[in-house]
């Protein structure tokens, strides 16, 4: 980093707020139905889009309890019959999709997340994997990621997960320092994390990814630094970082969080600056806008070679542009449509039990808007894009907006993300829409 970045210098240019509960994707979200979604699948299949790299995200929403800070679609369930019924309906949803795009499509990425996927029994995990295998092809070069929680992942289960073909683990972390825990959820002691990481290393997973959430109620820069000190001592393969956003309109249970305890934008920015400094000093390379990897990591190599890709699953060295989301509230990213499934369990199940796809809302994109989204993603991947790609009037408008915000600078034949813009892009990035909040495309 060539210049000193301070939180105060960045705050004034942070613009809009998180989308409301009624419009997860922003003001352009409209109701859609399963026919709209399957028509989009047909169009993409006819263009050959699925041959260019396909990601699949399976969403398992079940948890033993509801965390007060939870910002995901989640269902509290301990009865295995509830999960069995859910798997039955996942099978229907997979069939509805593979019937349109063709069975046996090669996957570049496969991610299983939640919720708490490790709540599933061994038999249920084996059944889930078998269902995926029935509809898609998973080669040796497919990026396979399974999200686990340390308090529900035994040595035996980790061996099973690896045996089922998942080579990478992802762990979401919120509270680490036991002296400062407030019962927000995803809270694990350093000892528990260390034990699980030791087990994962012995089972020989390719990577263990720490998904670190900061900006929690009552959190300070000092607490963030202390958590990172504990985490880097465990030597995980990668870090992903994102700020916590209190959204009581969408997640009513978050009303239990006192709004006055939430860190300000300036404080969150200070936390992220501390994260970058600490992880770089610990030997990690800053990847894109919010990930950190070790030297020689495949993602680091991909960034150097200009092959790094960012989609709603995160960064990858796979050429994945399309992501199909399967499950309750799952999001799919197609060339001209961003869609999400129904998030009410009974409605989602009823749709599938009537052989109807459960898509309920989305944003349609014109060809121009799709190109704008792609340019923004390229900036988050390579931190630069050819100036020639901003020549049209519409793209010039996007460039003007990004330059006005101080996020990029056009120089010579390139548009490059500024030093301060690299810090601020994460604060402006909407995790639901996969776009910048200042862009028109979401």
Protein backbone atom coordinates (compact mmCIF):
# COMPACT_ATOMS: atom_id res chain seq x y z
CA UNK A 1 0.00 0.00 0.00
CA UNK A 2 1.59 3.23 -1.18
CA UNK A 3 -0.45 5.77 0.73
CA UNK A 4 -1.93 6.01 4.20
CA UNK A 5 -5.65 5.31 4.22
CA UNK A 6 -7.72 6.63 7.10
CA UNK A 7 -11.40 5.88 7.82
CA UNK A 8 -12.34 9.56 7.92
CA UNK A 9 -11.08 10.11 4.39
CA UNK A 10 -13.33 7.38 3.05
CA UNK A 11 -16.64 7.87 4.86
CA UNK A 12 -18.18 10.82 2.96
CA UNK A 13 -18.30 8.94 -0.34
CA UNK A 14 -20.13 5.88 1.02
CA UNK A 15 -23.57 6.19 -0.46
CA UNK A 16 -26.67 4.06 -0.23
CA UNK A 17 -28.06 1.62 2.29
CA UNK A 18 -28.78 -2.08 2.16
CA UNK A 19 -31.91 -3.12 0.18
CA UNK A 20 -35.13 -3.48 2.11
CA UNK A 21 -36.71 -6.79 3.04
CA UNK A 22 -39.26 -6.51 0.25
CA UNK A 23 -36.56 -5.95 -2.35
CA UNK A 24 -33.54 -8.07 -1.57
CA UNK A 25 -31.90 -7.18 -4.89
CA UNK A 26 -32.65 -3.47 -4.73
CA UNK A 27 -35.26 -1.17 -6.24
CA UNK A 28 -35.41 -3.00 -9.58
CA UNK A 29 -36.48 -6.32 -8.10
CA UNK A 30 -39.75 -7.59 -9.55
CA UNK A 31 -41.86 -10.68 -8.85
CA UNK A 32 -41.14 -13.57 -11.19
CA UNK A 33 -42.35 -17.14 -11.37
CA UNK A 34 -40.86 -20.49 -12.26
CA UNK A 35 -41.70 -20.04 -15.94
CA UNK A 36 -39.64 -16.85 -16.14
CA UNK A 37 -36.71 -18.68 -14.58
CA UNK A 38 -36.94 -21.79 -16.77
CA UNK A 39 -37.28 -19.59 -19.88
CA UNK A 40 -34.01 -17.92 -18.87
CA UNK A 41 -32.45 -21.36 -18.48
CA UNK A 42 -33.63 -22.33 -21.98
CA UNK A 43 -32.16 -19.16 -23.48
CA UNK A 44 -28.82 -19.64 -21.75
CA UNK A 45 -28.68 -23.29 -22.83
CA UNK A 46 -29.42 -22.41 -26.46
CA UNK A 47 -26.61 -19.85 -26.45
CA UNK A 48 -24.21 -22.41 -25.02
CA UNK A 49 -23.65 -20.35 -21.87
CA UNK A 50 -23.52 -23.41 -19.62
CA UNK A 51 -20.58 -24.75 -21.61
CA UNK A 52 -18.42 -21.81 -20.51
CA UNK A 53 -18.28 -22.63 -16.80
CA UNK A 54 -21.08 -23.50 -14.40
CA UNK A 55 -21.28 -23.18 -10.63
CA UNK A 56 -23.82 -24.92 -8.40
CA UNK A 57 -24.69 -23.79 -4.89
CA UNK A 58 -26.77 -26.09 -2.71
CA UNK A 59 -28.39 -24.30 0.19
CA UNK A 60 -29.24 -26.21 3.38
CA UNK A 61 -31.02 -23.76 5.72
CA UNK A 62 -31.32 -25.83 8.87
CA UNK A 63 -29.84 -24.82 12.21
CA UNK A 64 -30.28 -26.08 15.76
CA UNK A 65 -30.96 -22.52 16.99
CA UNK A 66 -31.48 -19.11 15.45
CA UNK A 67 -28.50 -16.81 16.01
CA UNK A 68 -29.46 -13.23 16.84
CA UNK A 69 -27.01 -11.90 14.25
CA UNK A 70 -28.03 -14.40 11.54
CA UNK A 71 -28.23 -12.74 8.13
CA UNK A 72 -29.17 -15.80 6.12
CA UNK A 73 -32.35 -17.68 5.28
CA UNK A 74 -32.53 -20.18 8.12
CA UNK A 75 -34.94 -22.70 9.63
CA UNK A 76 -34.66 -24.18 13.10
CA UNK A 77 -35.14 -27.93 12.79
CA UNK A 78 -33.93 -30.92 14.77
CA UNK A 79 -36.37 -33.52 13.41
CA UNK A 80 -34.56 -35.56 10.72
CA UNK A 81 -37.85 -36.05 8.90
CA UNK A 82 -37.95 -32.32 8.13
CA UNK A 83 -34.52 -32.58 6.52
CA UNK A 84 -35.53 -35.73 4.62
CA UNK A 85 -38.51 -33.91 3.14
CA UNK A 86 -36.23 -31.03 2.20
CA UNK A 87 -33.90 -33.44 0.38
CA UNK A 88 -36.90 -34.89 -1.46
CA UNK A 89 -37.71 -31.43 -2.76
CA UNK A 90 -34.09 -30.68 -3.61
CA UNK A 91 -34.26 -33.73 -5.86
CA UNK A 92 -37.29 -32.22 -7.63
CA UNK A 93 -35.60 -28.84 -8.06
CA UNK A 94 -32.48 -30.46 -9.47
CA UNK A 95 -34.64 -32.40 -11.93
CA UNK A 96 -36.53 -29.29 -13.03
CA UNK A 97 -33.21 -27.64 -13.88
CA UNK A 98 -31.37 -30.56 -15.47
CA UNK A 99 -34.43 -31.32 -17.62
CA UNK A 100 -34.01 -27.85 -19.17
CA UNK A 101 -30.25 -27.56 -19.52
CA UNK A 102 -29.38 -31.22 -19.96
CA UNK A 103 -28.37 -33.86 -17.45
CA UNK A 104 -24.69 -34.42 -16.81
CA UNK A 105 -23.49 -30.85 -17.28
CA UNK A 106 -19.91 -30.41 -16.11
CA UNK A 107 -19.54 -28.30 -12.97
CA UNK A 108 -16.63 -25.93 -12.46
CA UNK A 109 -17.70 -25.13 -8.88
CA UNK A 110 -19.84 -26.92 -6.31
CA UNK A 111 -20.55 -25.20 -2.99
CA UNK A 112 -22.73 -26.54 -0.18
CA UNK A 113 -23.67 -23.94 2.41
CA UNK A 114 -26.30 -22.92 4.89
CA UNK A 115 -27.55 -22.75 7.57
CA UNK A 116 -25.61 -25.53 9.16
CA UNK A 117 -24.96 -28.24 6.54
CA UNK A 118 -23.05 -30.31 9.07
CA UNK A 119 -26.38 -30.90 10.86
CA UNK A 120 -27.16 -33.55 8.27
CA UNK A 121 -26.58 -37.16 9.25
CA UNK A 122 -24.09 -39.34 7.40
CA UNK A 123 -26.93 -40.97 5.46
CA UNK A 124 -28.40 -37.58 4.53
CA UNK A 125 -25.03 -36.23 3.38
CA UNK A 126 -24.48 -39.33 1.25
CA UNK A 127 -27.96 -38.94 -0.25
CA UNK A 128 -27.33 -35.26 -1.02
CA UNK A 129 -24.13 -36.10 -2.88
CA UNK A 130 -25.87 -38.88 -4.79
CA UNK A 131 -28.60 -36.45 -5.87
CA UNK A 132 -26.04 -34.01 -7.24
CA UNK A 133 -24.22 -36.82 -9.07
CA UNK A 134 -27.48 -37.87 -10.73
CA UNK A 135 -27.86 -34.49 -12.42
CA UNK A 136 -24.37 -33.02 -12.84
CA UNK A 137 -20.86 -34.20 -13.62
CA UNK A 138 -18.19 -33.44 -11.03
CA UNK A 139 -14.68 -33.86 -12.39
CA UNK A 140 -11.38 -33.88 -10.55
CA UNK A 141 -10.83 -30.21 -11.41
CA UNK A 142 -14.17 -29.08 -9.97
CA UNK A 143 -13.83 -26.72 -7.01
CA UNK A 144 -15.79 -28.42 -4.23
CA UNK A 145 -16.47 -26.51 -1.00
CA UNK A 146 -18.46 -27.61 2.05
CA UNK A 147 -19.38 -25.21 4.85
CA UNK A 148 -18.92 -26.59 8.35
CA UNK A 149 -19.37 -25.41 11.91
CA UNK A 150 -16.66 -26.47 14.36
CA UNK A 151 -19.10 -27.41 17.12
CA UNK A 152 -20.89 -29.88 14.84
CA UNK A 153 -18.03 -31.36 12.83
CA UNK A 154 -16.41 -34.45 14.27
CA UNK A 155 -13.37 -36.21 12.88
CA UNK A 156 -15.68 -38.90 11.47
CA UNK A 157 -17.87 -36.36 9.70
CA UNK A 158 -14.86 -34.57 8.21
CA UNK A 159 -13.60 -37.88 6.85
CA UNK A 160 -17.05 -38.50 5.35
CA UNK A 161 -17.20 -35.05 3.77
CA UNK A 162 -13.78 -35.57 2.21
CA UNK A 163 -14.78 -39.06 1.09
CA UNK A 164 -17.86 -37.67 -0.62
CA UNK A 165 -15.61 -35.54 -2.80
CA UNK A 166 -15.43 -32.18 -1.03
CA UNK A 167 -11.84 -30.98 -0.94
CA UNK A 168 -12.25 -27.56 0.68
CA UNK A 169 -13.84 -26.44 3.94
CA UNK A 170 -15.37 -23.06 4.69
CA UNK A 171 -16.04 -21.79 8.22
CA UNK A 172 -17.94 -18.60 9.02
CA UNK A 173 -16.53 -16.84 12.06
CA UNK A 174 -17.94 -13.97 14.08
CA UNK A 175 -16.95 -13.97 17.76
CA UNK A 176 -13.58 -15.53 18.55
CA UNK A 177 -12.23 -13.83 21.64
CA UNK A 178 -14.06 -15.58 24.49
CA UNK A 179 -13.66 -12.55 26.75
CA UNK A 180 -15.76 -10.40 24.41
CA UNK A 181 -18.45 -12.81 23.23
CA UNK A 182 -22.02 -11.50 23.30
CA UNK A 183 -23.94 -14.55 22.14
CA UNK A 184 -24.30 -13.33 18.55
CA UNK A 185 -23.81 -16.78 17.01
CA UNK A 186 -21.03 -18.45 15.00
CA UNK A 187 -18.98 -18.02 18.18
CA UNK A 188 -16.17 -20.49 18.74
CA UNK A 189 -13.33 -20.65 21.20
CA UNK A 190 -9.78 -20.65 19.81
CA UNK A 191 -9.30 -24.11 21.31
CA UNK A 192 -12.29 -25.56 19.43
CA UNK A 193 -11.17 -23.97 16.17
CA UNK A 194 -7.63 -25.21 16.63
CA UNK A 195 -8.83 -28.77 17.24
CA UNK A 196 -11.03 -28.74 14.16
CA UNK A 197 -8.30 -27.27 11.98
CA UNK A 198 -5.93 -29.96 13.21
CA UNK A 199 -8.47 -32.63 12.26
CA UNK A 200 -9.04 -31.03 8.85
CA UNK A 201 -5.30 -30.99 8.17
CA UNK A 202 -4.98 -34.64 9.10
CA UNK A 203 -7.90 -35.55 6.84
CA UNK A 204 -5.96 -33.65 4.14
CA UNK A 205 -8.39 -31.08 2.80
CA UNK A 206 -6.90 -28.88 0.09
CA UNK A 207 -7.83 -25.71 1.91
CA UNK A 208 -9.61 -24.36 4.97
CA UNK A 209 -11.24 -20.98 4.37
CA UNK A 210 -12.07 -18.66 7.25
CA UNK A 211 -15.04 -16.43 6.40
CA UNK A 212 -14.45 -13.60 8.85
CA UNK A 213 -17.36 -11.25 9.63
CA UNK A 214 -16.46 -7.91 11.22
CA UNK A 215 -18.36 -4.81 12.29
CA UNK A 216 -20.40 -6.70 14.88
CA UNK A 217 -22.38 -4.98 17.66
CA UNK A 218 -20.03 -3.53 20.26
CA UNK A 219 -16.95 -4.64 18.33
CA UNK A 220 -13.84 -2.47 18.32
CA UNK A 221 -10.74 -2.32 16.18
CA UNK A 222 -8.83 -3.78 19.10
CA UNK A 223 -11.18 -6.77 19.29
CA UNK A 224 -10.80 -7.36 15.56
CA UNK A 225 -7.01 -7.30 15.86
CA UNK A 226 -7.12 -9.73 18.77
CA UNK A 227 -9.37 -12.13 16.85
CA UNK A 228 -7.08 -11.98 13.83
CA UNK A 229 -4.06 -12.66 16.01
CA UNK A 230 -5.72 -15.81 17.30
CA UNK A 231 -6.86 -16.87 13.84
CA UNK A 232 -3.58 -16.32 11.99
CA UNK A 233 -1.80 -18.42 14.61
CA UNK A 234 -3.94 -21.32 13.34
CA UNK A 235 -2.52 -20.82 9.83
CA UNK A 236 -5.68 -21.27 7.70
CA UNK A 237 -5.28 -21.43 3.94
CA UNK A 238 -7.43 -18.43 3.07
CA UNK A 239 -9.47 -15.61 4.57
CA UNK A 240 -12.63 -14.01 3.23
CA UNK A 241 -13.84 -10.86 4.98
CA UNK A 242 -17.15 -9.02 4.94
CA UNK A 243 -18.84 -6.37 7.09
CA UNK A 244 -21.90 -7.20 9.17
CA UNK A 245 -25.03 -5.20 8.34
CA UNK A 246 -27.92 -5.03 10.79
CA UNK A 247 -31.12 -5.38 8.72
CA UNK A 248 -34.11 -5.73 11.02
CA UNK A 249 -36.58 -5.26 8.16
CA UNK A 250 -35.41 -8.41 6.43
CA UNK A 251 -34.35 -10.33 9.54
CA UNK A 252 -36.80 -9.48 12.31
CA UNK A 253 -34.82 -11.35 14.97
CA UNK A 254 -32.03 -8.75 14.57
CA UNK A 255 -34.27 -6.29 16.40
CA UNK A 256 -32.75 -7.86 19.49
CA UNK A 257 -29.50 -6.10 18.57
CA UNK A 258 -29.34 -2.58 19.97
CA UNK A 259 -28.77 -0.28 16.98
CA UNK A 260 -26.70 2.02 19.19
CA UNK A 261 -24.10 -0.74 19.63
CA UNK A 262 -23.46 -1.01 15.90
CA UNK A 263 -20.08 0.33 14.75
CA UNK A 264 -20.22 3.39 12.50
CA UNK A 265 -19.11 3.34 8.87
CA UNK A 266 -15.85 4.96 9.94
CA UNK A 267 -15.29 2.30 12.59
CA UNK A 268 -15.99 -0.49 10.11
CA UNK A 269 -13.54 1.06 7.70
CA UNK A 270 -10.93 1.23 10.44
CA UNK A 271 -11.56 -2.46 11.13
CA UNK A 272 -11.03 -3.38 7.49
CA UNK A 273 -7.84 -1.35 7.30
CA UNK A 274 -6.63 -3.22 10.39
CA UNK A 275 -7.59 -6.53 8.74
CA UNK A 276 -5.57 -5.75 5.61
CA UNK A 277 -2.55 -4.61 7.60
CA UNK A 278 -2.60 -7.60 9.94
CA UNK A 279 -3.08 -10.25 7.27
CA UNK A 280 -0.46 -8.78 4.96
CA UNK A 281 2.00 -8.65 7.87
CA UNK A 282 1.12 -12.28 8.63
CA UNK A 283 2.19 -13.30 5.12
CA UNK A 284 -1.13 -13.30 3.29
CA UNK A 285 -1.62 -11.59 -0.08
CA UNK A 286 -4.61 -9.31 -0.57
CA UNK A 287 -6.71 -10.85 -3.34
CA UNK A 288 -9.22 -8.71 -5.20
CA UNK A 289 -11.23 -6.68 -2.71
CA UNK A 290 -11.97 -8.97 0.25
CA UNK A 291 -9.92 -12.17 0.17
CA UNK A 292 -6.47 -13.06 1.43
CA UNK A 293 -4.34 -16.02 0.40
CA UNK A 294 -0.83 -17.29 0.85
CA UNK A 295 1.87 -16.83 -1.76
CA UNK A 296 1.64 -19.55 -4.39
CA UNK A 297 -2.05 -20.20 -3.73
CA UNK A 298 -3.87 -21.09 -7.00
CA UNK A 299 -5.97 -17.95 -6.59
CA UNK A 300 -2.86 -15.80 -6.29
CA UNK A 301 -1.49 -17.35 -9.46
CA UNK A 302 -4.81 -16.79 -11.22
CA UNK A 303 -4.82 -13.12 -10.25
CA UNK A 304 -1.28 -12.67 -11.54
CA UNK A 305 -2.18 -14.37 -14.82
CA UNK A 306 -5.45 -12.47 -15.23
CA UNK A 307 -7.62 -15.58 -14.75
CA UNK A 308 -9.21 -14.71 -11.42
CA UNK A 309 -13.01 -14.84 -11.43
CA UNK A 310 -15.49 -13.41 -8.92
CA UNK A 311 -19.08 -14.56 -8.67
CA UNK A 312 -21.52 -14.86 -5.79
CA UNK A 313 -19.56 -17.87 -4.49
CA UNK A 314 -16.45 -15.75 -4.05
CA UNK A 315 -13.16 -15.77 -5.94
CA UNK A 316 -12.11 -18.72 -8.05
CA UNK A 317 -9.57 -19.78 -10.64
CA UNK A 318 -12.37 -21.56 -12.51
CA UNK A 319 -13.98 -19.82 -15.52
CA UNK A 320 -17.38 -19.68 -13.81
CA UNK A 321 -19.80 -16.93 -14.79
CA UNK A 322 -23.14 -18.63 -14.20
CA UNK A 323 -24.25 -19.91 -10.80
CA UNK A 324 -27.36 -21.98 -10.19
CA UNK A 325 -28.74 -21.79 -6.65
CA UNK A 326 -30.70 -24.77 -5.36
CA UNK A 327 -32.75 -24.70 -2.17
CA UNK A 328 -34.67 -22.37 0.10
CA UNK A 329 -33.96 -18.71 -0.73
CA UNK A 330 -31.15 -19.73 -3.09
CA UNK A 331 -29.94 -17.21 -5.68
CA UNK A 332 -29.14 -17.96 -9.32
CA UNK A 333 -26.99 -15.75 -11.52
CA UNK A 334 -27.74 -16.05 -15.24
CA UNK A 335 -26.56 -13.77 -18.09
CA UNK A 336 -29.74 -11.66 -18.19
CA UNK A 337 -31.44 -12.57 -14.94
CA UNK A 338 -30.62 -12.55 -11.24
CA UNK A 339 -33.26 -14.61 -9.44
CA UNK A 340 -34.00 -15.91 -5.98
CA UNK A 341 -36.10 -18.75 -4.68
CA UNK A 342 -38.96 -18.50 -2.24
CA UNK A 343 -37.64 -18.14 1.33
CA UNK A 344 -40.75 -19.43 3.13
CA UNK A 345 -40.23 -23.14 3.66
CA UNK A 346 -43.88 -24.14 3.25
CA UNK A 347 -44.29 -22.17 0.02
CA UNK A 348 -40.98 -23.46 -1.38
CA UNK A 349 -41.99 -27.04 -0.60
CA UNK A 350 -45.50 -26.67 -2.01
CA UNK A 351 -44.13 -25.31 -5.29
CA UNK A 352 -41.79 -28.24 -5.77
CA UNK A 353 -44.33 -30.81 -4.64
CA UNK A 354 -46.47 -29.45 -7.48
CA UNK A 355 -43.49 -29.74 -9.87
CA UNK A 356 -43.13 -25.96 -10.14
CA UNK A 357 -39.83 -24.13 -9.83
CA UNK A 358 -39.82 -21.96 -6.65
CA UNK A 359 -38.36 -18.76 -8.15
CA UNK A 360 -40.22 -15.77 -6.74
CA UNK A 361 -38.28 -12.56 -7.50
CA UNK A 362 -35.50 -11.26 -9.65
CA UNK A 363 -33.90 -8.54 -11.73
CA UNK A 364 -33.82 -8.65 -15.50
CA UNK A 365 -30.84 -7.13 -17.30
CA UNK A 366 -30.52 -5.67 -20.76
CA UNK A 367 -27.46 -6.54 -22.83
CA UNK A 368 -25.93 -3.18 -21.89
CA UNK A 369 -26.57 -3.74 -18.17
CA UNK A 370 -25.13 -7.24 -18.33
CA UNK A 371 -21.94 -5.80 -19.80
CA UNK A 372 -21.84 -3.18 -17.05
CA UNK A 373 -22.11 -5.88 -14.40
CA UNK A 374 -19.32 -7.79 -16.09
CA UNK A 375 -17.07 -4.72 -16.12
CA UNK A 376 -17.67 -4.08 -12.42
CA UNK A 377 -16.86 -7.71 -11.66
CA UNK A 378 -13.68 -7.47 -13.74
CA UNK A 379 -12.58 -4.47 -11.71
CA UNK A 380 -13.09 -6.50 -8.52
CA UNK A 381 -11.04 -9.36 -9.99
CA UNK A 382 -8.08 -7.80 -11.79
CA UNK A 383 -8.43 -4.31 -10.25
CA UNK A 384 -8.28 -2.96 -13.78
CA UNK A 385 -10.07 -3.17 -17.13
CA UNK A 386 -9.25 -1.94 -20.65
CA UNK A 387 -10.40 1.64 -21.21
CA UNK A 388 -11.68 0.61 -24.64
CA UNK A 389 -14.46 -1.38 -23.00
CA UNK A 390 -15.93 1.85 -21.61
CA UNK A 391 -16.23 3.58 -24.99
CA UNK A 392 -20.02 3.34 -25.48
CA UNK A 393 -22.22 6.05 -24.01
CA UNK A 394 -23.69 3.68 -21.43
CA UNK A 395 -20.31 2.35 -20.29
CA UNK A 396 -18.89 5.88 -20.23
CA UNK A 397 -21.72 6.79 -17.85
CA UNK A 398 -20.69 3.94 -15.56
CA UNK A 399 -17.05 5.03 -15.72
CA UNK A 400 -17.99 8.62 -14.88
CA UNK A 401 -19.95 7.42 -11.85
CA UNK A 402 -17.09 5.24 -10.59
CA UNK A 403 -14.57 8.03 -11.09
CA UNK A 404 -16.80 10.55 -9.33
CA UNK A 405 -16.92 8.21 -6.33
CA UNK A 406 -13.12 8.01 -6.40
CA UNK A 407 -13.22 4.24 -6.90
CA UNK A 408 -11.33 4.12 -10.20
CA UNK A 409 -9.09 6.27 -12.32
CA UNK A 410 -8.76 6.20 -16.10
CA UNK A 411 -5.15 6.49 -17.20
CA UNK A 412 -3.49 5.61 -20.47
CA UNK A 413 -5.38 2.61 -21.91
CA UNK A 414 -6.65 1.26 -18.58
CA UNK A 415 -9.23 1.91 -15.92
CA UNK A 416 -7.67 1.03 -12.58
CA UNK A 417 -9.14 0.71 -9.10
CA UNK A 418 -7.64 3.40 -6.85
CA UNK A 419 -5.86 2.57 -3.62
CA UNK A 420 -8.71 4.01 -1.55
CA UNK A 421 -11.27 2.48 -3.90
CA UNK A 422 -9.94 -0.98 -3.14
CA UNK A 423 -10.78 -0.45 0.52
CA UNK A 424 -14.16 1.07 -0.17
CA UNK A 425 -15.44 -1.35 -2.83
CA UNK A 426 -16.19 -3.92 -0.15
CA UNK A 427 -18.34 -1.45 1.76
CA UNK A 428 -20.27 -0.60 -1.41
CA UNK A 429 -20.64 -4.20 -2.62
CA UNK A 430 -24.06 -5.72 -2.11
CA UNK A 431 -23.77 -9.42 -1.21
CA UNK A 432 -27.33 -10.20 -2.35
CA UNK A 433 -27.35 -8.58 -5.77
CA UNK A 434 -23.66 -9.08 -6.49
CA UNK A 435 -23.37 -5.47 -7.64
CA UNK A 436 -22.15 -2.14 -6.42
CA UNK A 437 -24.88 -0.23 -4.63
CA UNK A 438 -24.05 2.88 -6.65
CA UNK A 439 -24.52 1.03 -9.99
CA UNK A 440 -27.80 1.10 -11.89
CA UNK A 441 -27.84 -2.62 -12.59
CA UNK A 442 -29.30 -3.64 -9.23
